[in-house]
Protein backbone atom coordinates (compact mmCIF):
# COMPACT_ATOMS: atom_id res chain seq x y z
CA MET A 1 0.00 0.00 0.00
CA LYS A 2 1.41 3.38 -1.01
CA THR A 3 1.08 6.04 1.70
CA THR A 4 0.72 9.82 1.58
CA CYS A 5 1.03 12.18 4.54
CA LEU A 6 -0.78 15.46 3.89
CA ILE A 7 0.46 18.28 6.16
CA ASN A 8 -1.58 21.50 6.21
CA ASN A 9 0.11 24.65 7.50
CA TYR A 10 -0.74 28.28 8.17
CA ASN A 11 1.68 30.47 10.14
CA TYR A 12 3.11 27.57 12.15
CA ALA A 13 6.75 28.03 11.12
CA THR A 14 7.78 27.54 14.76
CA PHE A 15 6.15 24.11 14.95
CA LEU A 16 6.46 22.93 11.35
CA PRO A 17 9.98 21.38 11.59
CA ASP A 18 8.78 19.15 14.46
CA ALA A 19 5.81 17.98 12.40
CA ILE A 20 7.85 17.28 9.26
CA ASN A 21 10.64 15.53 11.15
CA SER A 22 8.13 13.35 12.98
CA VAL A 23 6.89 12.18 9.58
CA LEU A 24 10.39 11.65 8.18
CA LYS A 25 11.51 9.63 11.22
CA GLN A 26 8.78 6.99 11.05
CA SER A 27 9.91 3.39 11.59
CA VAL A 28 8.22 2.65 8.24
CA LYS A 29 8.72 5.43 5.71
CA PHE A 30 5.93 7.33 4.00
CA ASP A 31 6.04 6.99 0.22
CA GLU A 32 4.98 10.61 -0.18
CA ILE A 33 4.77 13.71 2.00
CA ILE A 34 2.82 16.70 0.73
CA ILE A 35 3.03 20.01 2.60
CA VAL A 36 0.41 22.62 1.74
CA ASP A 37 1.12 26.13 2.99
CA ASP A 38 -1.96 28.35 3.05
CA ALA A 39 -0.18 31.61 2.12
CA SER A 40 1.47 32.01 5.52
CA THR A 41 2.70 35.46 6.52
CA ASP A 42 5.53 34.13 8.70
CA ASN A 43 8.64 32.32 7.42
CA SER A 44 6.87 29.00 6.81
CA ALA A 45 7.89 28.95 3.14
CA GLU A 46 11.57 29.21 4.11
CA VAL A 47 11.18 26.39 6.62
CA ILE A 48 9.50 24.16 4.04
CA LYS A 49 12.18 24.81 1.40
CA LYS A 50 14.87 23.63 3.83
CA PHE A 51 13.44 20.13 3.34
CA ASP A 52 13.86 20.33 -0.45
CA GLY A 53 16.50 17.61 -0.43
CA GLU A 54 14.12 14.95 0.85
CA ALA A 55 13.13 12.84 -2.16
CA ASN A 56 9.62 12.00 -0.94
CA ILE A 57 8.58 15.58 -0.05
CA LYS A 58 6.46 17.75 -2.32
CA TYR A 59 5.08 21.13 -1.34
CA ILE A 60 2.40 23.54 -2.47
CA LEU A 61 2.83 27.22 -1.58
CA LYS A 62 -0.55 28.85 -2.09
CA GLU A 63 -0.67 32.48 -3.18
CA LYS A 64 -3.96 33.22 -1.39
CA ASN A 65 -5.07 32.29 2.11
CA GLN A 66 -8.25 30.23 1.77
CA GLY A 67 -8.38 28.10 4.90
CA GLN A 68 -7.89 24.50 5.95
CA LEU A 69 -10.47 22.85 3.66
CA SER A 70 -8.84 24.46 0.64
CA SER A 71 -5.51 22.98 1.74
CA PHE A 72 -7.10 19.54 2.07
CA ASN A 73 -8.54 19.92 -1.44
CA GLU A 74 -5.27 20.95 -3.08
CA GLY A 75 -3.16 18.46 -1.17
CA PHE A 76 -5.37 15.52 -2.05
CA LEU A 77 -5.49 16.47 -5.73
CA ALA A 78 -1.67 16.23 -5.74
CA ALA A 79 -1.55 12.96 -3.78
CA ASN A 80 -0.87 9.47 -5.16
CA GLY A 81 -1.17 7.33 -2.02
CA ASP A 82 -3.54 4.42 -1.49
CA ILE A 83 -3.98 5.59 2.10
CA ILE A 84 -4.03 9.29 2.97
CA PHE A 85 -2.89 10.46 6.41
CA PHE A 86 -3.75 13.97 7.63
CA LEU A 87 -1.48 16.02 9.92
CA ASP A 88 -1.87 19.56 11.25
CA ALA A 89 1.45 21.42 11.18
CA ASP A 90 1.47 22.01 14.95
CA ASP A 91 1.10 18.30 15.79
CA MET A 92 3.45 15.30 15.55
CA TYR A 93 3.45 11.55 15.03
CA GLU A 94 5.10 9.05 17.35
CA PRO A 95 7.82 7.12 15.42
CA GLU A 96 5.75 3.90 15.23
CA TYR A 97 2.49 5.54 14.12
CA LEU A 98 2.61 4.64 10.42
CA GLU A 99 3.87 1.11 11.08
CA ASN A 100 1.03 0.41 13.49
CA ALA A 101 -1.59 2.02 11.26
CA LEU A 102 -0.48 -0.04 8.23
CA ASN A 103 -0.56 -3.22 10.30
CA PHE A 104 -4.09 -2.29 11.33
CA TYR A 105 -5.20 -1.76 7.72
CA ARG A 106 -3.66 -5.11 6.74
CA ARG A 107 -5.28 -6.91 9.66
CA TYR A 108 -8.68 -5.39 8.95
CA GLN A 109 -8.95 -5.35 5.17
CA GLU A 110 -12.44 -3.86 5.40
CA CYS A 111 -11.18 -0.76 7.26
CA ASP A 112 -11.79 2.39 5.18
CA PHE A 113 -11.29 5.07 7.85
CA LEU A 114 -9.07 4.89 10.91
CA PHE A 115 -8.54 7.18 13.88
CA CYS A 116 -6.55 6.64 17.05
CA GLY A 117 -5.92 7.90 20.56
CA TYR A 118 -3.62 10.86 21.15
CA LYS A 119 -1.46 12.59 23.74
CA LYS A 120 -1.77 16.30 24.53
CA PHE A 121 1.43 18.23 25.09
CA GLY A 122 2.47 21.86 25.43
CA VAL A 123 0.57 24.18 27.77
CA ALA A 124 -1.69 21.26 28.70
CA GLU A 125 -0.93 17.56 28.93
CA GLY A 126 -2.92 14.36 29.02
CA VAL A 127 -3.92 11.20 27.20
CA PHE A 128 -7.14 10.94 25.23
CA GLN A 129 -8.59 7.56 24.32
CA GLU A 130 -12.12 7.41 22.94
CA TYR A 131 -12.15 3.72 23.85
CA ALA A 132 -9.73 1.55 25.84
CA TYR A 133 -9.43 -1.05 23.07
CA ASP A 134 -9.43 -1.34 19.28
CA LEU A 135 -12.94 -1.20 17.87
CA ASP A 136 -14.88 -1.86 14.68
CA LEU A 137 -17.36 1.04 14.55
CA GLY A 138 -19.06 -0.21 11.40
CA TYR A 139 -21.07 1.93 9.01
CA SER A 140 -22.71 5.19 10.02
CA VAL A 141 -24.50 6.61 6.95
CA ILE A 142 -27.94 6.78 8.52
CA LYS A 143 -26.76 7.96 11.95
CA THR A 144 -24.72 10.72 10.34
CA TYR A 145 -27.24 11.88 7.75
CA CYS A 146 -30.26 11.78 10.09
CA LEU A 147 -28.69 12.59 13.45
CA GLY A 148 -25.44 14.35 12.56
CA GLU A 149 -23.30 11.72 14.30
CA TRP A 150 -19.62 12.75 14.43
CA ILE A 151 -17.55 9.56 14.53
CA GLY A 152 -13.87 10.40 14.47
CA SER A 153 -11.31 12.61 16.19
CA ILE A 154 -8.90 15.50 15.59
CA THR A 155 -7.36 15.92 12.14
CA SER A 156 -3.95 14.48 12.99
CA THR A 157 -5.39 11.12 14.09
CA LEU A 158 -7.24 10.53 10.79
CA SER A 159 -6.37 8.36 7.82
CA MET A 160 -8.50 7.00 4.98
CA ARG A 161 -8.29 4.83 1.93
CA ARG A 162 -7.94 6.83 -1.27
CA GLU A 163 -11.25 5.67 -2.74
CA ILE A 164 -13.08 7.13 0.26
CA VAL A 165 -11.32 10.51 0.17
CA ASN A 166 -11.94 10.65 -3.58
CA LYS A 167 -15.69 10.55 -2.92
CA ILE A 168 -15.40 13.47 -0.47
CA LEU A 169 -12.78 15.90 -1.80
CA PRO A 170 -12.66 18.41 -3.27
CA ILE A 171 -15.49 20.23 -1.44
CA PRO A 172 -16.24 23.74 -2.76
CA TYR A 173 -17.42 25.37 0.51
CA THR A 174 -13.96 26.58 1.48
CA ASP A 175 -15.13 29.86 3.08
CA ASP A 176 -17.39 27.92 5.44
CA TRP A 177 -14.59 25.61 6.54
CA ARG A 178 -11.52 27.75 6.97
CA VAL A 179 -11.02 25.95 10.30
CA ARG A 180 -12.33 22.68 11.77
CA SER A 181 -12.31 21.04 8.36
CA ASP A 182 -11.87 17.66 10.00
CA ASP A 183 -15.67 17.87 10.31
CA CYS A 184 -15.89 17.57 6.52
CA LEU A 185 -13.67 14.48 6.49
CA ILE A 186 -15.47 12.80 9.38
CA TRP A 187 -19.04 13.45 8.27
CA GLY A 188 -18.09 12.92 4.64
CA ALA A 189 -16.52 9.51 5.24
CA SER A 190 -19.65 8.30 6.99
CA LEU A 191 -21.90 9.57 4.21
CA VAL A 192 -19.96 7.83 1.42
CA GLY A 193 -20.15 4.49 3.20
CA ALA A 194 -16.76 4.17 4.89
CA LYS A 195 -16.40 1.43 7.46
CA LYS A 196 -14.77 3.09 10.45
CA PHE A 197 -12.33 1.64 12.95
CA TYR A 198 -10.64 2.94 16.08
CA MET A 199 -7.04 2.12 17.10
CA SER A 200 -6.62 2.58 20.84
CA GLN A 201 -2.86 3.24 20.82
CA CYS A 202 -2.00 6.89 21.46
CA LEU A 203 0.45 7.47 18.61
CA VAL A 204 -0.31 11.11 17.77
CA MET A 205 0.96 14.14 19.68
CA TYR A 206 -1.62 16.95 19.82
CA ARG A 207 0.07 20.24 20.64
CA ILE A 208 -1.82 22.64 22.92
CA HIS A 209 -0.70 26.27 22.58
CA LYS A 210 -2.09 29.79 22.78
CA HIS A 211 -3.03 29.83 19.08
CA ASN A 212 -4.88 26.52 19.25
CA ASN A 213 -8.25 28.20 18.85
CA TYR A 214 -10.58 25.22 19.20
CA HIS A 215 -8.96 23.95 22.39
CA ASN A 216 -8.64 27.37 24.02
CA ASP A 217 -12.03 28.87 23.14
CA LYS A 218 -14.25 27.33 25.81
CA SER A 219 -17.09 29.59 24.71
CA LEU A 220 -17.69 27.23 21.79
CA GLU A 221 -19.27 24.79 24.21
CA ILE A 222 -22.10 27.21 24.96
CA ASN A 223 -22.11 29.46 21.92
CA ILE A 224 -25.54 28.90 20.39
CA SER A 225 -24.78 31.11 17.40
CA PHE A 226 -21.67 29.06 16.60
CA GLU A 227 -23.54 25.76 16.80
CA TYR A 228 -26.40 27.11 14.68
CA LYS A 229 -23.99 28.23 11.94
CA ARG A 230 -22.15 24.90 12.16
CA LEU A 231 -25.47 23.09 11.69
CA LEU A 232 -26.21 25.10 8.54
CA LYS A 233 -22.73 24.42 7.17
CA ARG A 234 -23.09 20.74 7.98
CA SER A 235 -26.36 20.58 6.06
CA ALA A 236 -24.73 22.19 3.02
CA ILE A 237 -21.80 19.78 2.82
CA MET A 238 -24.01 16.76 3.54
CA ASN A 239 -26.34 17.68 0.70
CA TYR A 240 -23.37 18.30 -1.58
CA ILE A 241 -21.75 14.95 -0.82
CA MET A 242 -25.00 13.00 -1.12
CA GLN A 243 -25.67 14.56 -4.51
CA LYS A 244 -22.08 13.85 -5.55
CA ILE A 245 -22.33 10.10 -4.87
CA VAL A 246 -25.81 9.52 -6.36
């Protein structure tokens, strides 16, 4: 199975070397690493170009800032892997992440979508496991379409078979999903019929820092306006994806 790691970056030049090196230092090497920079205003482009000598790295330096979903779209269109792994530029992989994920996909041939536990580090620390053991979560088309079920985790824990991502991306609603675009991947995978699995090992490092908006903004938990707008955006992408696969 050919593997692609898709790293999305915006103004994370400070963290980006850690993310890239964590991908390069895997016990089993990625066949392809694609870095998409969303028109950063810091020195991210310079940082990325320092990795020019790595044969399996490609990069896309966007001229216009369009948000995370746009980076997913462009990165996937340039990808050749059979399994696509997603990584935010402020996070990292443990060295055995890819090896364990590939073993999981080989063991469970029916697995289309995989997410795993993770460790928080930075200004906050902790271990997050959705479940204490590996789990076959099955299919979730009806639960997602009718009830809005969100079966997944943060971007950097996600991977999918190419044929599943191909049914989801590209999505045109880039202005709606400048952040939290993992929602599109998670809902989308359910809608296109992916069989989802959970790997309990915590092999992703989720960095908590002052610019980590989702983690820091506790008001999201009670912000009715935010949830209402998210519901409208969810309806739009769900309708789009359902029409796309009919």
